[in-house]
Protein backbone atom coordinates (compact mmCIF):
# COMPACT_ATOMS: atom_id res chain seq x y z
CA MET A 1 -111.13 9.73 62.18
CA THR A 2 -108.13 11.49 63.67
CA THR A 3 -104.57 11.41 62.40
CA THR A 4 -101.30 12.11 64.10
CA ALA A 5 -99.88 15.45 63.04
CA PRO A 6 -96.52 15.29 61.22
CA GLY A 7 -93.35 16.90 62.47
CA TYR A 8 -92.75 14.78 65.59
CA TRP A 9 -89.54 12.93 66.24
CA PRO A 10 -89.21 9.35 67.53
CA GLY A 11 -89.92 9.07 71.22
CA MET A 12 -91.91 12.30 71.52
CA PRO A 13 -94.54 11.56 74.16
CA SER A 14 -98.24 11.97 73.56
CA ALA A 15 -98.23 13.52 70.09
CA PRO A 16 -101.65 15.18 69.88
CA THR A 17 -104.31 14.39 67.36
CA GLN A 18 -105.51 17.04 64.97
CA ARG A 19 -108.65 18.88 66.05
CA ALA A 20 -110.44 21.65 64.28
CA ASP A 21 -110.08 23.98 67.28
CA ARG A 22 -106.41 23.21 67.90
CA LEU A 23 -103.78 25.45 66.35
CA ALA A 24 -101.25 23.75 64.11
CA LEU A 25 -98.65 26.18 65.49
CA LEU A 26 -98.64 28.72 68.32
CA ILE A 27 -95.85 31.31 68.35
CA VAL A 28 -95.25 33.18 71.59
CA GLY A 29 -93.36 36.44 71.06
CA GLY A 30 -93.31 39.57 68.95
CA GLY A 31 -89.74 39.81 67.69
CA PRO A 32 -87.78 38.63 64.65
CA ALA A 33 -87.61 34.99 65.76
CA ALA A 34 -91.39 34.89 66.06
CA MET A 35 -92.00 36.29 62.58
CA ALA A 36 -89.35 34.05 61.05
CA ALA A 37 -90.95 31.02 62.72
CA ALA A 38 -94.27 31.83 61.08
CA ARG A 39 -92.62 32.24 57.68
CA GLY A 40 -90.59 29.06 58.13
CA PHE A 41 -93.63 27.01 59.09
CA ARG A 42 -95.64 28.33 56.17
CA ALA A 43 -92.77 27.59 53.76
CA VAL A 44 -93.22 23.91 54.59
CA ARG A 45 -96.92 23.68 55.40
CA ASP A 46 -99.60 25.97 54.01
CA ASP A 47 -102.57 24.23 55.60
CA ARG A 48 -104.33 24.80 58.91
CA ARG A 49 -104.32 27.72 61.25
CA ILE A 50 -101.44 29.26 63.17
CA ALA A 51 -101.33 32.12 65.67
CA LEU A 52 -98.76 34.59 66.92
CA VAL A 53 -99.23 36.13 70.38
CA SER A 54 -97.48 39.48 70.90
CA ASP A 55 -97.76 41.67 73.97
CA GLU A 56 -97.12 44.68 71.71
CA GLY A 57 -100.30 43.88 69.79
CA ARG A 58 -98.66 44.31 66.39
CA LEU A 59 -96.76 42.32 63.81
CA PRO A 60 -93.04 41.95 64.53
CA TYR A 61 -90.98 44.82 63.16
CA ARG A 62 -87.37 45.82 62.63
CA ARG A 63 -85.78 46.90 65.90
CA PRO A 64 -82.21 47.82 64.82
CA PRO A 65 -83.34 51.19 63.33
CA LEU A 66 -84.65 52.25 66.76
CA SER A 67 -81.14 53.12 67.94
CA LYS A 68 -79.92 54.26 64.54
CA GLU A 69 -81.87 55.54 61.51
CA LEU A 70 -85.18 56.08 63.28
CA LEU A 71 -83.61 57.85 66.25
CA ARG A 72 -81.60 60.00 63.83
CA ARG A 73 -84.81 60.77 61.89
CA GLU A 74 -83.32 59.34 58.71
CA THR A 75 -86.26 56.98 58.22
CA THR A 76 -89.87 56.65 59.35
CA ASP A 77 -92.09 54.01 60.89
CA ALA A 78 -93.09 52.96 57.38
CA GLY A 79 -89.77 51.16 57.04
CA LEU A 80 -90.15 49.08 60.21
CA PRO A 81 -92.62 46.26 59.39
CA LEU A 82 -91.12 42.87 58.59
CA GLU A 83 -94.24 41.98 56.63
CA PRO A 84 -97.20 44.02 55.35
CA ASP A 85 -100.41 44.20 57.39
CA ALA A 86 -102.08 41.79 54.98
CA TRP A 87 -99.58 39.00 55.68
CA PRO A 88 -101.52 37.29 58.51
CA ALA A 89 -104.75 37.05 56.52
CA GLU A 90 -102.93 35.86 53.42
CA HIS A 91 -101.12 33.15 55.39
CA ARG A 92 -103.92 32.05 57.73
CA MET A 93 -102.26 33.41 60.84
CA ASP A 94 -104.11 34.98 63.75
CA LEU A 95 -102.33 37.92 65.35
CA VAL A 96 -103.29 37.86 69.04
CA ALA A 97 -102.64 40.90 71.22
CA GLY A 98 -101.82 39.80 74.74
CA ARG A 99 -99.36 38.01 76.99
CA VAL A 100 -99.10 34.29 77.56
CA VAL A 101 -98.92 33.79 81.33
CA ALA A 102 -98.98 29.98 81.48
CA LEU A 103 -97.85 27.25 79.14
CA ASP A 104 -98.60 23.55 79.60
CA PRO A 105 -96.50 21.63 77.07
CA HIS A 106 -98.05 18.30 78.02
CA ALA A 107 -101.64 19.44 77.52
CA ARG A 108 -100.44 21.66 74.63
CA ARG A 109 -102.29 24.65 76.04
CA ALA A 110 -101.38 28.31 76.54
CA THR A 111 -103.23 30.67 78.87
CA LEU A 112 -103.35 34.41 78.21
CA SER A 113 -103.48 37.14 80.85
CA GLY A 114 -107.21 37.67 80.30
CA GLY A 115 -107.97 34.00 80.89
CA ARG A 116 -108.34 32.97 77.25
CA THR A 117 -106.74 29.63 76.37
CA LEU A 118 -105.23 28.45 73.10
CA ASP A 119 -104.74 24.76 72.33
CA TYR A 120 -101.92 23.90 69.96
CA GLU A 121 -100.07 20.98 68.40
CA ARG A 122 -96.70 22.70 68.25
CA CYS A 123 -95.37 25.85 69.88
CA VAL A 124 -92.36 28.09 69.27
CA LEU A 125 -91.23 30.06 72.30
CA ALA A 126 -89.69 33.33 71.09
CA THR A 127 -90.14 35.58 74.11
CA GLY A 128 -86.87 37.44 73.53
CA ALA A 129 -85.12 39.51 76.18
CA GLU A 130 -85.68 42.73 78.07
CA PRO A 131 -83.24 45.49 79.06
CA THR A 132 -81.70 45.19 82.49
CA ARG A 133 -81.51 47.97 85.04
CA PRO A 134 -78.35 48.10 87.16
CA PRO A 135 -79.00 47.70 90.92
CA VAL A 136 -78.19 51.29 91.85
CA PRO A 137 -80.34 53.99 93.47
CA GLY A 138 -82.34 56.19 91.14
CA VAL A 139 -82.76 53.88 88.14
CA ASP A 140 -86.55 54.00 88.55
CA ASP A 141 -86.77 57.75 87.97
CA PRO A 142 -89.20 58.54 85.10
CA ALA A 143 -86.39 60.26 83.21
CA VAL A 144 -84.34 57.04 83.18
CA ARG A 145 -85.38 55.07 80.10
CA VAL A 146 -84.48 51.91 78.20
CA LEU A 147 -84.72 51.17 74.47
CA ARG A 148 -86.09 47.88 73.22
CA SER A 149 -89.40 48.63 71.53
CA ARG A 150 -91.05 51.31 69.40
CA ALA A 151 -92.95 52.41 72.51
CA ASP A 152 -89.64 52.84 74.35
CA LEU A 153 -88.37 55.11 71.58
CA ALA A 154 -91.58 57.14 71.69
CA ALA A 155 -91.09 57.66 75.44
CA ILE A 156 -87.53 58.83 74.82
CA GLU A 157 -88.60 61.16 72.02
CA THR A 158 -91.09 62.96 74.29
CA ARG A 159 -88.16 64.04 76.48
CA LEU A 160 -85.92 65.30 73.69
CA SER A 161 -85.59 68.92 72.66
CA HIS A 162 -82.78 70.88 71.07
CA ASP A 163 -80.97 71.43 74.38
CA THR A 164 -81.58 68.09 76.11
CA ARG A 165 -78.54 66.69 77.91
CA VAL A 166 -78.41 62.91 77.66
CA VAL A 167 -76.35 60.38 79.60
CA VAL A 168 -76.05 56.93 78.03
CA ILE A 169 -75.06 54.20 80.48
CA GLY A 170 -73.34 51.25 78.85
CA SER A 171 -70.90 50.68 76.00
CA GLY A 172 -72.20 47.65 74.14
CA PHE A 173 -73.21 47.99 70.52
CA VAL A 174 -76.62 49.49 71.36
CA GLY A 175 -75.07 51.95 73.82
CA CYS A 176 -72.55 53.15 71.25
CA GLU A 177 -75.22 53.38 68.55
CA LEU A 178 -77.44 55.42 70.87
CA ALA A 179 -74.68 57.82 71.88
CA ALA A 180 -73.57 58.43 68.30
CA SER A 181 -77.13 58.82 66.99
CA LEU A 182 -78.10 61.31 69.68
CA ARG A 183 -74.99 63.35 68.96
CA ARG A 184 -75.87 63.43 65.25
CA ARG A 185 -79.11 65.12 66.34
CA GLY A 186 -77.00 67.83 67.94
CA LEU A 187 -77.63 66.85 71.57
CA ALA A 188 -75.08 66.97 74.38
CA VAL A 189 -74.24 63.33 75.13
CA THR A 190 -72.14 61.79 77.88
CA GLN A 191 -71.51 58.05 77.71
CA LEU A 192 -70.49 56.15 80.84
CA THR A 193 -68.86 52.74 80.82
CA GLN A 194 -67.03 50.64 83.35
CA GLU A 195 -64.85 49.22 80.56
CA ARG A 196 -61.45 50.67 79.67
CA ALA A 197 -62.83 51.30 76.18
CA PRO A 198 -66.23 50.65 74.58
CA LEU A 199 -66.86 47.03 73.58
CA GLU A 200 -63.44 45.90 74.80
CA ALA A 201 -64.77 42.70 76.34
CA ARG A 202 -66.30 41.72 73.00
CA ILE A 203 -63.89 42.94 70.33
CA GLY A 204 -60.58 43.43 72.15
CA GLY A 205 -58.49 46.45 73.07
CA TRP A 206 -57.24 47.55 69.64
CA ALA A 207 -60.68 47.65 68.02
CA ALA A 208 -62.25 49.14 71.15
CA ASP A 209 -59.80 52.04 70.94
CA ARG A 210 -60.92 52.69 67.35
CA VAL A 211 -64.57 52.84 68.50
CA ALA A 212 -63.61 55.22 71.31
CA ASP A 213 -61.89 57.48 68.77
CA TRP A 214 -65.06 57.49 66.65
CA LEU A 215 -67.22 58.50 69.60
CA TRP A 216 -64.86 61.28 70.64
CA ALA A 217 -64.69 62.52 67.04
CA ASP A 218 -68.49 62.69 66.95
CA GLY A 219 -68.51 64.80 70.11
CA VAL A 220 -69.59 62.17 72.65
CA ALA A 221 -68.14 62.89 76.11
CA LEU A 222 -66.91 59.37 76.84
CA ARG A 223 -66.06 58.44 80.42
CA VAL A 224 -64.37 55.06 80.74
CA GLY A 225 -63.68 53.04 83.87
CA ALA A 226 -66.75 54.70 85.38
CA PRO A 227 -69.28 52.27 86.89
CA VAL A 228 -72.48 54.04 87.89
CA SER A 229 -73.08 54.18 91.63
CA GLY A 230 -76.33 56.13 91.71
CA ILE A 231 -78.69 58.53 89.98
CA VAL A 232 -79.95 61.44 92.05
CA ARG A 233 -82.69 63.88 91.10
CA ASP A 234 -81.74 67.51 91.71
CA GLY A 235 -84.77 69.60 90.82
CA ASP A 236 -85.36 69.31 87.08
CA VAL A 237 -82.14 67.44 86.35
CA LEU A 238 -80.46 64.16 87.21
CA ARG A 239 -76.95 63.74 88.62
CA VAL A 240 -75.37 60.46 87.56
CA HIS A 241 -72.62 59.47 89.99
CA THR A 242 -69.78 57.04 89.29
CA ALA A 243 -67.50 55.31 91.75
CA PRO A 244 -64.75 56.21 91.62
CA GLY A 245 -65.04 59.07 89.23
CA PRO A 246 -65.00 62.82 88.59
CA ALA A 247 -67.93 65.12 89.20
CA ALA A 248 -71.37 63.68 88.49
CA ALA A 249 -72.66 63.82 84.94
CA THR A 250 -75.69 66.10 84.61
CA ALA A 251 -78.61 64.92 82.49
CA ASP A 252 -82.16 65.76 81.54
CA LEU A 253 -82.52 62.20 80.25
CA VAL A 254 -80.67 58.98 81.07
CA VAL A 255 -80.82 56.01 78.69
CA LEU A 256 -79.76 52.63 80.03
CA ALA A 257 -77.93 50.31 77.63
CA ALA A 258 -76.52 47.95 80.24
CA GLY A 259 -77.45 44.66 78.64
CA VAL A 260 -80.52 42.45 78.42
CA ALA A 261 -81.93 39.45 80.27
CA PRO A 262 -83.72 36.63 78.41
CA ARG A 263 -87.41 36.39 79.24
CA ILE A 264 -87.41 32.84 80.61
CA GLU A 265 -90.21 33.17 83.18
CA LEU A 266 -92.75 31.41 80.99
CA ALA A 267 -90.30 28.61 80.17
CA ILE A 268 -89.54 28.02 83.84
CA ALA A 269 -93.22 28.02 84.72
CA ALA A 270 -93.71 25.41 81.99
CA GLY A 271 -91.25 23.15 83.79
CA LEU A 272 -88.18 23.69 81.64
CA ASP A 273 -84.73 23.72 83.20
CA CYS A 274 -82.97 26.95 82.16
CA PRO A 275 -79.31 26.82 83.19
CA ASP A 276 -77.42 30.05 82.62
CA GLY A 277 -80.72 31.88 82.13
CA ARG A 278 -81.70 30.49 78.73
CA VAL A 279 -83.76 27.63 77.34
CA PRO A 280 -81.56 24.77 76.09
CA THR A 281 -82.38 23.38 72.64
CA ASP A 282 -80.79 21.06 70.13
CA ALA A 283 -79.61 22.25 66.72
CA ARG A 284 -83.18 21.97 65.42
CA LEU A 285 -84.30 24.32 68.19
CA ARG A 286 -86.29 21.57 70.01
CA THR A 287 -86.54 21.90 73.77
CA ALA A 288 -86.86 19.08 76.27
CA ALA A 289 -90.65 19.60 76.41
CA PRO A 290 -92.96 17.81 73.97
CA GLY A 291 -93.99 19.86 70.96
CA LEU A 292 -92.04 22.92 72.09
CA TRP A 293 -89.29 24.77 70.24
CA ALA A 294 -87.41 27.90 71.36
CA ALA A 295 -85.62 30.52 69.25
CA GLY A 296 -83.93 33.89 69.55
CA ASP A 297 -82.56 35.60 72.64
CA VAL A 298 -84.35 33.21 74.98
CA ALA A 299 -82.63 30.11 73.57
CA ALA A 300 -79.27 28.50 74.23
CA ALA A 301 -79.24 26.50 71.03
CA HIS A 302 -76.78 23.75 70.22
CA HIS A 303 -74.93 24.82 67.09
CA ALA A 304 -74.50 22.16 64.45
CA LEU A 305 -71.00 23.31 63.44
CA ALA A 306 -69.64 24.62 66.73
CA GLY A 307 -70.75 21.43 68.50
CA ARG A 308 -71.85 23.28 71.63
CA PRO A 309 -74.60 25.64 72.80
CA ILE A 310 -74.12 29.17 71.44
CA PRO A 311 -76.33 31.85 73.03
CA VAL A 312 -76.79 34.85 70.74
CA GLU A 313 -78.49 38.24 71.01
CA HIS A 314 -78.24 39.31 67.39
CA TRP A 315 -81.06 40.27 65.06
CA GLY A 316 -79.90 38.13 62.15
CA ASP A 317 -79.45 35.06 64.32
CA ALA A 318 -82.93 35.46 65.78
CA LEU A 319 -84.27 35.42 62.21
CA ALA A 320 -82.19 32.35 61.36
CA GLN A 321 -83.19 30.45 64.50
CA GLY A 322 -86.84 31.37 64.09
CA GLU A 323 -86.89 30.02 60.56
CA VAL A 324 -85.26 26.77 61.67
CA ALA A 325 -87.75 26.38 64.52
CA GLY A 326 -90.71 27.06 62.25
CA ARG A 327 -89.54 24.69 59.55
CA ALA A 328 -88.66 21.98 62.07
CA ALA A 329 -92.05 22.34 63.74
CA ALA A 330 -93.64 21.84 60.33
CA GLY A 331 -91.76 18.57 59.85
CA ASP A 332 -88.67 19.61 57.89
CA GLU A 333 -86.04 17.16 59.18
CA ASP A 334 -83.25 19.06 57.41
CA ALA A 335 -83.86 22.30 59.29
CA THR A 336 -80.75 22.90 61.41
CA TRP A 337 -79.09 25.98 62.92
CA ASP A 338 -75.64 25.95 61.33
CA GLY A 339 -74.84 29.52 60.23
CA VAL A 340 -71.97 31.45 61.83
CA PRO A 341 -73.49 34.04 64.21
CA GLY A 342 -72.94 37.60 63.11
CA PHE A 343 -74.34 41.12 62.91
CA TRP A 344 -73.75 44.65 61.69
CA SER A 345 -73.64 47.78 63.81
CA SER A 346 -73.77 51.42 62.70
CA ILE A 347 -71.99 53.78 65.08
CA GLY A 348 -72.75 57.17 63.61
CA HIS A 349 -71.88 56.90 59.92
CA ARG A 350 -69.38 54.05 60.47
CA VAL A 351 -70.34 50.41 60.06
CA LEU A 352 -68.85 47.46 61.91
CA LYS A 353 -69.47 43.88 60.81
CA HIS A 354 -68.80 41.11 63.30
CA ALA A 355 -69.05 37.34 63.03
CA ALA A 356 -67.89 35.00 65.80
CA TRP A 357 -68.89 32.09 67.98
CA GLY A 358 -69.04 34.63 70.78
CA ASP A 359 -67.62 32.51 73.58
CA GLY A 360 -64.08 33.79 73.65
CA TYR A 361 -60.80 33.84 71.75
CA ALA A 362 -57.12 33.52 72.60
CA GLN A 363 -55.66 36.17 70.30
CA ALA A 364 -56.88 39.19 68.34
CA ARG A 365 -54.86 40.25 65.30
CA PRO A 366 -55.58 43.73 63.84
CA HIS A 367 -54.96 44.51 60.18
CA ARG A 368 -54.96 48.14 59.06
CA HIS A 369 -56.09 49.11 55.57
CA ALA A 370 -56.27 52.34 53.59
CA SER A 371 -58.65 55.19 54.47
CA GLY A 372 -59.22 53.98 58.02
CA ALA A 373 -60.59 50.58 57.08
CA PHE A 374 -59.54 47.64 59.21
CA THR A 375 -60.01 43.96 59.90
CA VAL A 376 -59.49 42.13 63.17
CA THR A 377 -59.22 38.35 63.17
CA TYR A 378 -59.77 36.33 66.34
CA HIS A 379 -58.07 32.97 66.89
CA ASP A 380 -58.27 30.16 69.43
CA ASP A 381 -55.33 28.43 71.11
CA ALA A 382 -54.84 26.19 68.08
CA GLY A 383 -54.69 29.20 65.76
CA ASP A 384 -58.04 28.50 64.11
CA LEU A 385 -60.21 31.46 63.18
CA VAL A 386 -63.13 31.89 65.59
CA GLY A 387 -64.15 35.47 64.81
CA VAL A 388 -63.75 38.42 62.45
CA LEU A 389 -64.51 42.12 62.79
CA THR A 390 -64.36 44.51 59.85
CA HIS A 391 -64.85 48.16 59.02
CA ASP A 392 -65.15 48.99 55.30
CA ARG A 393 -63.78 45.55 54.36
CA ASP A 394 -66.83 43.56 53.27
CA ASP A 395 -64.77 40.98 51.38
CA ASP A 396 -62.81 40.22 54.56
CA TYR A 397 -66.05 39.81 56.48
CA GLU A 398 -67.52 37.32 54.02
CA ALA A 399 -64.24 35.41 53.71
CA GLY A 400 -63.91 35.37 57.50
CA ARG A 401 -67.36 33.87 57.98
CA ARG A 402 -66.53 31.11 55.51
CA GLU A 403 -63.23 30.33 57.22
CA ILE A 404 -64.83 30.28 60.69
CA ALA A 405 -67.30 27.69 59.43
CA ASP A 406 -64.60 25.69 57.62
CA ALA A 407 -62.41 25.62 60.73
CA ALA A 408 -65.33 24.30 62.78
CA ARG A 409 -66.05 21.60 60.21
CA ARG A 410 -62.43 20.44 60.30
CA ARG A 411 -62.45 20.10 64.07
CA ILE A 412 -65.90 18.69 64.83
CA PRO A 413 -67.13 15.80 62.72
CA ALA A 414 -70.89 15.74 62.31
CA GLY A 415 -72.88 12.96 63.94
CA PRO A 416 -75.61 11.00 62.18
CA ASP A 417 -78.18 13.68 62.94
CA GLY A 418 -75.95 16.52 61.73
CA VAL A 419 -75.59 17.90 65.23
CA GLY A 420 -72.11 16.61 66.02
CA PRO A 421 -70.85 14.37 68.81
């Protein structure tokens, strides 16, 4: 006798029957959302087998230290794992090394690159994102690297010595973390950005100027308003040209930190529509495909409080979304993504904490405090708080997150499913 597996919502087509060889849950991805999905599922259901497929062939691990503590040699690989090696066996999870190349959500079947297939009842797509390379000549030189994985950091480390000259391209949070961390190792670092000041598009001019001051104080040669036009090899070194700009920056190593692109190829091949380059989901992380959830960088999830899709690329939000997806896949009808997106960033020895909806603001209001601490509040046209940025003001950060959520609750009444109108 077969029974319909729990965790399906009304109207879901062709809910599969349980079979001994069918996975209760398949997780595709090797990042924080993937690990959180496994933990979330197991928190609700402790029976039957699940599997996590990672093309890195290892359990998901902490990535933020790659551009900070690990690069600065202030910690070791021992501090990276999200869970101990024994976790899969203790929680009946198979860790599968490989890449899923095809996903059929109607047949509930995934195909790996070697031809192996995995049948499942539910699947969480947590394929994450990958660093982008700007479309300029020379970005494919072996001395031009990106940083997303532990293997990427190892490749960078092999090119570092006491006198290595590094050019960091990009001024997002990862770019600034990289530049500051490399300087703390005593290396000559030039950072190139097309912005007027680092992070200006995200945090506004006043706060961006503070970050620029930090980088200069740490010894980073910061060049602003300098879009890269090409990278040219000149013997043993690279010349990084900007247009317009001063003389080319000379480097032994170039690290790209020019943003990431969600890995949506598998979702598209599975028949999902991915407007704006992400997989749309509801607030319970369900996609339009039967038995398929998506979480993390690859998802454009509807936020229960904001009342609209909020794409995020933050570590903490990937963990939160992954847990919701895992719990929802296990049948928890109360699992909903409703936390205010936010993250921390360490630029050298200085910590920024940022929480915001991330889709714009009308006004930024800086507030200076003693000893260089500051808070910036971000407001919409109605004056409601939609973001907060702090340095050495943890109480302001926590209060800001609460007020952002409260403002959203006042403006968007929840619908019967808790998602909003």
